[in-house]
Amino acid sequence: MPWYIYIIRCKDKLLYTGITKDLKRRIKEHCSGNGCKFTKYRAPVKLVYQEEALTRSDALKREAMIKQLPRKKKIELFKKVKVERRK
């Protein structure tokens, strides 16, 4: 089972990046206010980006890379994926 790196947009437009093995469950947790401290009062959230990693270690490394990106680069990352999916 793969690991997922994801970015969610909170109701106040802030972005949160995380990892999980069960993306559907994790998004539900964030929306219900039980996901983490950052999203607790920022629900509902919307999944805007996801990618897969083979191992937890790979997912953590990629998550750290994404978290270091400025907001503008994160937005470019998930907008690029939306454009590619439409083609």
PDB file of N, CA and C in Angstrom:
ATOM      1  N   MET A   1       0.852  -1.188   0.000  1.00  0.00           N
ATOM      2  CA  MET A   1       0.000   0.000   0.000  1.00  0.00           C
ATOM      3  C   MET A   1       0.891   1.243   0.000  1.00  0.00           C
ATOM      4  N   PRO A   2       0.644   2.170  -0.921  1.00  0.00           N
ATOM      5  CA  PRO A   2       1.502   3.362  -1.014  1.00  0.00           C
ATOM      6  C   PRO A   2       1.213   4.371   0.095  1.00  0.00           C
ATOM      7  N   TRP A   3       2.147   5.271   0.266  1.00  0.00           N
ATOM      8  CA  TRP A   3       1.970   6.430   1.122  1.00  0.00           C
ATOM      9  C   TRP A   3       1.553   7.599   0.226  1.00  0.00           C
ATOM     10  N   TYR A   4       0.790   8.512   0.773  1.00  0.00           N
ATOM     11  CA  TYR A   4       0.340   9.680   0.025  1.00  0.00           C
ATOM     12  C   TYR A   4       0.871  10.954   0.672  1.00  0.00           C
ATOM     13  N   ILE A   5       1.374  11.840  -0.163  1.00  0.00           N
ATOM     14  CA  ILE A   5       1.718  13.187   0.251  1.00  0.00           C
ATOM     15  C   ILE A   5       0.578  14.049  -0.273  1.00  0.00           C
ATOM     16  N   TYR A   6       0.044  14.921   0.568  1.00  0.00           N
ATOM     17  CA  TYR A   6      -1.118  15.693   0.139  1.00  0.00           C
ATOM     18  C   TYR A   6      -1.023  17.146   0.594  1.00  0.00           C
ATOM     19  N   ILE A   7      -1.731  17.997  -0.135  1.00  0.00           N
ATOM     20  CA  ILE A   7      -1.894  19.398   0.257  1.00  0.00           C
ATOM     21  C   ILE A   7      -3.392  19.659   0.306  1.00  0.00           C
ATOM     22  N   ILE A   8      -3.835  20.256   1.406  1.00  0.00           N
ATOM     23  CA  ILE A   8      -5.229  20.658   1.534  1.00  0.00           C
ATOM     24  C   ILE A   8      -5.295  22.172   1.697  1.00  0.00           C
ATOM     25  N   ARG A   9      -6.401  22.734   1.215  1.00  0.00           N
ATOM     26  CA  ARG A   9      -6.648  24.165   1.393  1.00  0.00           C
ATOM     27  C   ARG A   9      -7.738  24.300   2.447  1.00  0.00           C
ATOM     28  N   CYS A  10      -7.456  25.063   3.478  1.00  0.00           N
ATOM     29  CA  CYS A  10      -8.417  25.276   4.555  1.00  0.00           C
ATOM     30  C   CYS A  10      -9.400  26.383   4.179  1.00  0.00           C
ATOM     31  N   LYS A  11     -10.454  26.510   4.962  1.00  0.00           N
ATOM     32  CA  LYS A  11     -11.484  27.517   4.645  1.00  0.00           C
ATOM     33  C   LYS A  11     -10.930  28.933   4.651  1.00  0.00           C
ATOM     34  N   ASP A  12      -9.835  29.167   5.382  1.00  0.00           N
ATOM     35  CA  ASP A  12      -9.225  30.496   5.400  1.00  0.00           C
ATOM     36  C   ASP A  12      -8.125  30.635   4.342  1.00  0.00           C
ATOM     37  N   LYS A  13      -8.096  29.678   3.401  1.00  0.00           N
ATOM     38  CA  LYS A  13      -7.185  29.670   2.245  1.00  0.00           C
ATOM     39  C   LYS A  13      -5.739  29.286   2.576  1.00  0.00           C
ATOM     40  N   LEU A  14      -5.453  28.965   3.836  1.00  0.00           N
ATOM     41  CA  LEU A  14      -4.111  28.501   4.185  1.00  0.00           C
ATOM     42  C   LEU A  14      -3.927  27.078   3.678  1.00  0.00           C
ATOM     43  N   LEU A  15      -2.685  26.713   3.392  1.00  0.00           N
ATOM     44  CA  LEU A  15      -2.371  25.378   2.877  1.00  0.00           C
ATOM     45  C   LEU A  15      -1.709  24.540   3.957  1.00  0.00           C
ATOM     46  N   TYR A  16      -2.051  23.260   3.967  1.00  0.00           N
ATOM     47  CA  TYR A  16      -1.457  22.313   4.909  1.00  0.00           C
ATOM     48  C   TYR A  16      -0.952  21.115   4.115  1.00  0.00           C
ATOM     49  N   THR A  17       0.256  20.674   4.402  1.00  0.00           N
ATOM     50  CA  THR A  17       0.849  19.520   3.730  1.00  0.00           C
ATOM     51  C   THR A  17       1.051  18.409   4.746  1.00  0.00           C
ATOM     52  N   GLY A  18       0.708  17.176   4.351  1.00  0.00           N
ATOM     53  CA  GLY A  18       0.877  16.039   5.239  1.00  0.00           C
ATOM     54  C   GLY A  18       1.078  14.750   4.466  1.00  0.00           C
ATOM     55  N   ILE A  19       1.233  13.646   5.214  1.00  0.00           N
ATOM     56  CA  ILE A  19       1.350  12.321   4.616  1.00  0.00           C
ATOM     57  C   ILE A  19       0.392  11.372   5.322  1.00  0.00           C
ATOM     58  N   THR A  20       0.008  10.317   4.616  1.00  0.00           N
ATOM     59  CA  THR A  20      -0.883   9.310   5.188  1.00  0.00           C
ATOM     60  C   THR A  20      -0.869   8.063   4.318  1.00  0.00           C
ATOM     61  N   LYS A  21      -1.347   6.961   4.870  1.00  0.00           N
ATOM     62  CA  LYS A  21      -1.540   5.749   4.084  1.00  0.00           C
ATOM     63  C   LYS A  21      -2.985   5.650   3.588  1.00  0.00           C
ATOM     64  N   ASP A  22      -3.898   6.346   4.258  1.00  0.00           N
ATOM     65  CA  ASP A  22      -5.318   6.308   3.906  1.00  0.00           C
ATOM     66  C   ASP A  22      -5.811   7.737   3.691  1.00  0.00           C
ATOM     67  N   LEU A  23      -5.733   8.195   2.466  1.00  0.00           N
ATOM     68  CA  LEU A  23      -6.030   9.590   2.145  1.00  0.00           C
ATOM     69  C   LEU A  23      -7.485   9.961   2.429  1.00  0.00           C
ATOM     70  N   LYS A  24      -8.408   9.105   2.056  1.00  0.00           N
ATOM     71  CA  LYS A  24      -9.832   9.381   2.258  1.00  0.00           C
ATOM     72  C   LYS A  24     -10.151   9.580   3.744  1.00  0.00           C
ATOM     73  N   ARG A  25      -9.635   8.685   4.572  1.00  0.00           N
ATOM     74  CA  ARG A  25      -9.854   8.777   6.022  1.00  0.00           C
ATOM     75  C   ARG A  25      -9.236  10.049   6.585  1.00  0.00           C
ATOM     76  N   ARG A  26      -8.034  10.357   6.128  1.00  0.00           N
ATOM     77  CA  ARG A  26      -7.312  11.512   6.658  1.00  0.00           C
ATOM     78  C   ARG A  26      -8.020  12.827   6.314  1.00  0.00           C
ATOM     79  N   ILE A  27      -8.548  12.938   5.120  1.00  0.00           N
ATOM     80  CA  ILE A  27      -9.273  14.152   4.734  1.00  0.00           C
ATOM     81  C   ILE A  27     -10.537  14.292   5.584  1.00  0.00           C
ATOM     82  N   LYS A  28     -11.228  13.170   5.821  1.00  0.00           N
ATOM     83  CA  LYS A  28     -12.418  13.201   6.691  1.00  0.00           C
ATOM     84  C   LYS A  28     -12.047  13.682   8.089  1.00  0.00           C
ATOM     85  N   GLU A  29     -10.891  13.215   8.601  1.00  0.00           N
ATOM     86  CA  GLU A  29     -10.448  13.656   9.922  1.00  0.00           C
ATOM     87  C   GLU A  29     -10.200  15.164   9.942  1.00  0.00           C
ATOM     88  N   HIS A  30      -9.538  15.668   8.917  1.00  0.00           N
ATOM     89  CA  HIS A  30      -9.288  17.110   8.848  1.00  0.00           C
ATOM     90  C   HIS A  30     -10.606  17.885   8.782  1.00  0.00           C
ATOM     91  N   CYS A  31     -11.557  17.420   7.996  1.00  0.00           N
ATOM     92  CA  CYS A  31     -12.843  18.112   7.857  1.00  0.00           C
ATOM     93  C   CYS A  31     -13.660  18.097   9.143  1.00  0.00           C
ATOM     94  N   SER A  32     -13.498  17.050   9.935  1.00  0.00           N
ATOM     95  CA  SER A  32     -14.265  16.934  11.182  1.00  0.00           C
ATOM     96  C   SER A  32     -13.601  17.671  12.345  1.00  0.00           C
ATOM     97  N   GLY A  33     -12.405  18.223  12.114  1.00  0.00           N
ATOM     98  CA  GLY A  33     -11.702  18.934  13.182  1.00  0.00           C
ATOM     99  C   GLY A  33     -10.809  18.041  14.011  1.00  0.00           C
ATOM    100  N   ASN A  34     -10.664  16.776  13.613  1.00  0.00           N
ATOM    101  CA  ASN A  34      -9.843  15.826  14.354  1.00  0.00           C
ATOM    102  C   ASN A  34      -8.530  15.481  13.649  1.00  0.00           C
ATOM    103  N   GLY A  35      -8.210  16.211  12.590  1.00  0.00           N
ATOM    104  CA  GLY A  35      -7.020  15.892  11.802  1.00  0.00           C
ATOM    105  C   GLY A  35      -5.727  16.288  12.468  1.00  0.00           C
ATOM    106  N   CYS A  36      -5.620  17.535  12.861  1.00  0.00           N
ATOM    107  CA  CYS A  36      -4.436  18.055  13.537  1.00  0.00           C
ATOM    108  C   CYS A  36      -4.774  19.430  14.101  1.00  0.00           C
ATOM    109  N   LYS A  37      -3.871  19.944  14.899  1.00  0.00           N
ATOM    110  CA  LYS A  37      -4.093  21.241  15.521  1.00  0.00           C
ATOM    111  C   LYS A  37      -4.255  22.355  14.476  1.00  0.00           C
ATOM    112  N   PHE A  38      -3.459  22.296  13.412  1.00  0.00           N
ATOM    113  CA  PHE A  38      -3.479  23.346  12.383  1.00  0.00           C
ATOM    114  C   PHE A  38      -4.847  23.458  11.711  1.00  0.00           C
ATOM    115  N   THR A  39      -5.484  22.342  11.415  1.00  0.00           N
ATOM    116  CA  THR A  39      -6.755  22.366  10.685  1.00  0.00           C
ATOM    117  C   THR A  39      -7.983  22.300  11.591  1.00  0.00           C
ATOM    118  N   LYS A  40      -7.789  22.130  12.869  1.00  0.00           N
ATOM    119  CA  LYS A  40      -8.915  21.941  13.788  1.00  0.00           C
ATOM    120  C   LYS A  40     -10.001  23.012  13.638  1.00  0.00           C
ATOM    121  N   TYR A  41      -9.616  24.267  13.561  1.00  0.00           N
ATOM    122  CA  TYR A  41     -10.588  25.363  13.461  1.00  0.00           C
ATOM    123  C   TYR A  41     -10.620  25.978  12.070  1.00  0.00           C
ATOM    124  N   ARG A  42     -10.040  25.270  11.113  1.00  0.00           N
ATOM    125  CA  ARG A  42     -10.001  25.779   9.740  1.00  0.00           C
ATOM    126  C   ARG A  42     -10.810  24.903   8.779  1.00  0.00           C
ATOM    127  N   ALA A  43     -11.622  24.019   9.308  1.00  0.00           N
ATOM    128  CA  ALA A  43     -12.432  23.131   8.473  1.00  0.00           C
ATOM    129  C   ALA A  43     -13.629  23.913   7.938  1.00  0.00           C
ATOM    130  N   PRO A  44     -14.180  23.547   6.816  1.00  0.00           N
ATOM    131  CA  PRO A  44     -13.822  22.376   6.021  1.00  0.00           C
ATOM    132  C   PRO A  44     -12.561  22.624   5.191  1.00  0.00           C
ATOM    133  N   VAL A  45     -11.955  21.520   4.802  1.00  0.00           N
ATOM    134  CA  VAL A  45     -10.754  21.588   3.974  1.00  0.00           C
ATOM    135  C   VAL A  45     -11.046  20.940   2.622  1.00  0.00           C
ATOM    136  N   LYS A  46     -10.212  21.269   1.652  1.00  0.00           N
ATOM    137  CA  LYS A  46     -10.381  20.690   0.317  1.00  0.00           C
ATOM    138  C   LYS A  46      -9.033  20.140  -0.138  1.00  0.00           C
ATOM    139  N   LEU A  47      -9.040  18.911  -0.599  1.00  0.00           N
ATOM    140  CA  LEU A  47      -7.833  18.305  -1.137  1.00  0.00           C
ATOM    141  C   LEU A  47      -7.513  18.966  -2.471  1.00  0.00           C
ATOM    142  N   VAL A  48      -6.308  19.539  -2.586  1.00  0.00           N
ATOM    143  CA  VAL A  48      -5.934  20.209  -3.829  1.00  0.00           C
ATOM    144  C   VAL A  48      -4.764  19.523  -4.534  1.00  0.00           C
ATOM    145  N   TYR A  49      -4.053  18.629  -3.826  1.00  0.00           N
ATOM    146  CA  TYR A  49      -2.902  17.964  -4.442  1.00  0.00           C
ATOM    147  C   TYR A  49      -2.616  16.663  -3.713  1.00  0.00           C
ATOM    148  N   GLN A  50      -2.215  15.665  -4.497  1.00  0.00           N
ATOM    149  CA  GLN A  50      -1.765  14.409  -3.905  1.00  0.00           C
ATOM    150  C   GLN A  50      -0.752  13.752  -4.824  1.00  0.00           C
ATOM    151  N   GLU A  51       0.157  13.018  -4.221  1.00  0.00           N
ATOM    152  CA  GLU A  51       1.089  12.195  -4.982  1.00  0.00           C
ATOM    153  C   GLU A  51       1.419  10.984  -4.130  1.00  0.00           C
ATOM    154  N   GLU A  52       1.921   9.946  -4.768  1.00  0.00           N
ATOM    155  CA  GLU A  52       2.220   8.701  -4.069  1.00  0.00           C
ATOM    156  C   GLU A  52       3.718   8.543  -3.849  1.00  0.00           C
ATOM    157  N   ALA A  53       4.045   7.814  -2.781  1.00  0.00           N
ATOM    158  CA  ALA A  53       5.422   7.427  -2.490  1.00  0.00           C
ATOM    159  C   ALA A  53       5.403   5.956  -2.082  1.00  0.00           C
ATOM    160  N   LEU A  54       6.470   5.259  -2.370  1.00  0.00           N
ATOM    161  CA  LEU A  54       6.516   3.826  -2.066  1.00  0.00           C
ATOM    162  C   LEU A  54       6.727   3.534  -0.591  1.00  0.00           C
ATOM    163  N   THR A  55       7.511   4.373   0.088  1.00  0.00           N
ATOM    164  CA  THR A  55       7.816   4.120   1.494  1.00  0.00           C
ATOM    165  C   THR A  55       7.492   5.346   2.342  1.00  0.00           C
ATOM    166  N   ARG A  56       7.385   5.126   3.641  1.00  0.00           N
ATOM    167  CA  ARG A  56       7.140   6.236   4.570  1.00  0.00           C
ATOM    168  C   ARG A  56       8.315   7.214   4.525  1.00  0.00           C
ATOM    169  N   SER A  57       9.502   6.680   4.435  1.00  0.00           N
ATOM    170  CA  SER A  57      10.698   7.510   4.371  1.00  0.00           C
ATOM    171  C   SER A  57      10.658   8.436   3.151  1.00  0.00           C
ATOM    172  N   ASP A  58      10.306   7.882   1.996  1.00  0.00           N
ATOM    173  CA  ASP A  58      10.194   8.699   0.777  1.00  0.00           C
ATOM    174  C   ASP A  58       9.117   9.775   0.938  1.00  0.00           C
ATOM    175  N   ALA A  59       7.996   9.401   1.552  1.00  0.00           N
ATOM    176  CA  ALA A  59       6.895  10.350   1.754  1.00  0.00           C
ATOM    177  C   ALA A  59       7.326  11.484   2.683  1.00  0.00           C
ATOM    178  N   LEU A  60       8.034  11.154   3.751  1.00  0.00           N
ATOM    179  CA  LEU A  60       8.493  12.183   4.683  1.00  0.00           C
ATOM    180  C   LEU A  60       9.486  13.143   4.028  1.00  0.00           C
ATOM    181  N   LYS A  61      10.368  12.595   3.195  1.00  0.00           N
ATOM    182  CA  LYS A  61      11.341  13.446   2.495  1.00  0.00           C
ATOM    183  C   LYS A  61      10.637  14.398   1.534  1.00  0.00           C
ATOM    184  N   ARG A  62       9.673  13.873   0.793  1.00  0.00           N
ATOM    185  CA  ARG A  62       8.935  14.709  -0.165  1.00  0.00           C
ATOM    186  C   ARG A  62       8.088  15.749   0.560  1.00  0.00           C
ATOM    187  N   GLU A  63       7.463  15.347   1.667  1.00  0.00           N
ATOM    188  CA  GLU A  63       6.671  16.292   2.463  1.00  0.00           C
ATOM    189  C   GLU A  63       7.556  17.446   2.938  1.00  0.00           C
ATOM    190  N   ALA A  64       8.746  17.124   3.423  1.00  0.00           N
ATOM    191  CA  ALA A  64       9.668  18.162   3.890  1.00  0.00           C
ATOM    192  C   ALA A  64      10.049  19.105   2.751  1.00  0.00           C
ATOM    193  N   MET A  65      10.265  18.556   1.559  1.00  0.00           N
ATOM    194  CA  MET A  65      10.599  19.391   0.400  1.00  0.00           C
ATOM    195  C   MET A  65       9.456  20.347   0.065  1.00  0.00           C
ATOM    196  N   ILE A  66       8.236  19.808   0.062  1.00  0.00           N
ATOM    197  CA  ILE A  66       7.068  20.634  -0.268  1.00  0.00           C
ATOM    198  C   ILE A  66       6.854  21.715   0.786  1.00  0.00           C
ATOM    199  N   LYS A  67       7.021  21.366   2.059  1.00  0.00           N
ATOM    200  CA  LYS A  67       6.810  22.332   3.135  1.00  0.00           C
ATOM    201  C   LYS A  67       7.796  23.495   3.060  1.00  0.00           C
ATOM    202  N   GLN A  68       8.952  23.275   2.463  1.00  0.00           N
ATOM    203  CA  GLN A  68       9.946  24.344   2.340  1.00  0.00           C
ATOM    204  C   GLN A  68       9.633  25.292   1.174  1.00  0.00           C
ATOM    205  N   LEU A  69       8.759  24.875   0.284  1.00  0.00           N
ATOM    206  CA  LEU A  69       8.414  25.721  -0.853  1.00  0.00           C
ATOM    207  C   LEU A  69       7.611  26.935  -0.403  1.00  0.00           C
ATOM    208  N   PRO A  70       7.816  28.068  -1.050  1.00  0.00           N
ATOM    209  CA  PRO A  70       6.943  29.211  -0.755  1.00  0.00           C
ATOM    210  C   PRO A  70       5.525  28.917  -1.266  1.00  0.00           C
ATOM    211  N   ARG A  71       4.561  29.607  -0.717  1.00  0.00           N
ATOM    212  CA  ARG A  71       3.152  29.384  -1.063  1.00  0.00           C
ATOM    213  C   ARG A  71       2.930  29.412  -2.576  1.00  0.00           C
ATOM    214  N   LYS A  72       3.546  30.373  -3.251  1.00  0.00           N
ATOM    215  CA  LYS A  72       3.361  30.515  -4.696  1.00  0.00           C
ATOM    216  C   LYS A  72       3.778  29.236  -5.434  1.00  0.00           C
ATOM    217  N   LYS A  73       4.873  28.632  -5.022  1.00  0.00           N
ATOM    218  CA  LYS A  73       5.361  27.405  -5.667  1.00  0.00           C
ATOM    219  C   LYS A  73       4.428  26.229  -5.379  1.00  0.00           C
ATOM    220  N   LYS A  74       3.870  26.180  -4.182  1.00  0.00           N
ATOM    221  CA  LYS A  74       2.909  25.117  -3.853  1.00  0.00           C
ATOM    222  C   LYS A  74       1.671  25.233  -4.742  1.00  0.00           C
ATOM    223  N   ILE A  75       1.198  26.449  -4.927  1.00  0.00           N
ATOM    224  CA  ILE A  75       0.025  26.673  -5.777  1.00  0.00           C
ATOM    225  C   ILE A  75       0.339  26.275  -7.212  1.00  0.00           C
ATOM    226  N   GLU A  76       1.523  26.631  -7.700  1.00  0.00           N
ATOM    227  CA  GLU A  76       1.935  26.235  -9.047  1.00  0.00           C
ATOM    228  C   GLU A  76       1.966  24.714  -9.174  1.00  0.00           C
ATOM    229  N   LEU A  77       2.408  24.042  -8.118  1.00  0.00           N
ATOM    230  CA  LEU A  77       2.486  22.586  -8.117  1.00  0.00           C
ATOM    231  C   LEU A  77       1.112  21.966  -8.351  1.00  0.00           C
ATOM    232  N   PHE A  78       0.099  22.379  -7.595  1.00  0.00           N
ATOM    233  CA  PHE A  78      -1.202  21.739  -7.785  1.00  0.00           C
ATOM    234  C   PHE A  78      -1.981  22.296  -8.962  1.00  0.00           C
ATOM    235  N   LYS A  79      -1.701  23.495  -9.407  1.00  0.00           N
ATOM    236  CA  LYS A  79      -2.344  23.991 -10.631  1.00  0.00           C
ATOM    237  C   LYS A  79      -1.799  23.261 -11.850  1.00  0.00           C
ATOM    238  N   LYS A  80      -0.508  22.952 -11.837  1.00  0.00           N
ATOM    239  CA  LYS A  80       0.115  22.215 -12.930  1.00  0.00           C
ATOM    240  C   LYS A  80      -0.520  20.838 -13.074  1.00  0.00           C
ATOM    241  N   VAL A  81      -0.781  20.185 -11.971  1.00  0.00           N
ATOM    242  CA  VAL A  81      -1.393  18.853 -11.995  1.00  0.00           C
ATOM    243  C   VAL A  81      -2.797  18.932 -12.553  1.00  0.00           C
ATOM    244  N   LYS A  82      -3.567  19.962 -12.193  1.00  0.00           N
ATOM    245  CA  LYS A  82      -4.933  20.110 -12.721  1.00  0.00           C
ATOM    246  C   LYS A  82      -4.903  20.262 -14.228  1.00  0.00           C
ATOM    247  N   VAL A  83      -3.978  21.042 -14.738  1.00  0.00           N
ATOM    248  CA  VAL A  83      -3.866  21.267 -16.180  1.00  0.00           C
ATOM    249  C   VAL A  83      -3.509  19.961 -16.875  1.00  0.00           C
ATOM    250  N   GLU A  84      -2.568  19.201 -16.326  1.00  0.00           N
ATOM    251  CA  GLU A  84      -2.165  17.938 -16.923  1.00  0.00           C
ATOM    252  C   GLU A  84      -3.310  16.923 -16.950  1.00  0.00           C
ATOM    253  N   ARG A  85      -4.144  16.912 -15.922  1.00  0.00           N
ATOM    254  CA  ARG A  85      -5.275  15.976 -15.865  1.00  0.00           C
ATOM    255  C   ARG A  85      -6.317  16.273 -16.938  1.00  0.00           C
ATOM    256  N   ARG A  86      -6.457  17.542 -17.322  1.00  0.00           N
ATOM    257  CA  ARG A  86      -7.453  17.931 -18.327  1.00  0.00           C
ATOM    258  C   ARG A  86      -7.059  17.524 -19.727  1.00  0.00           C
ATOM    259  N   LYS A  87      -5.775  17.361 -19.983  1.00  0.00           N
ATOM    260  CA  LYS A  87      -5.303  17.022 -21.325  1.00  0.00           C
ATOM    261  C   LYS A  87      -5.683  15.615 -21.735  1.00  0.00           C
TER     262      LYS A  87
END
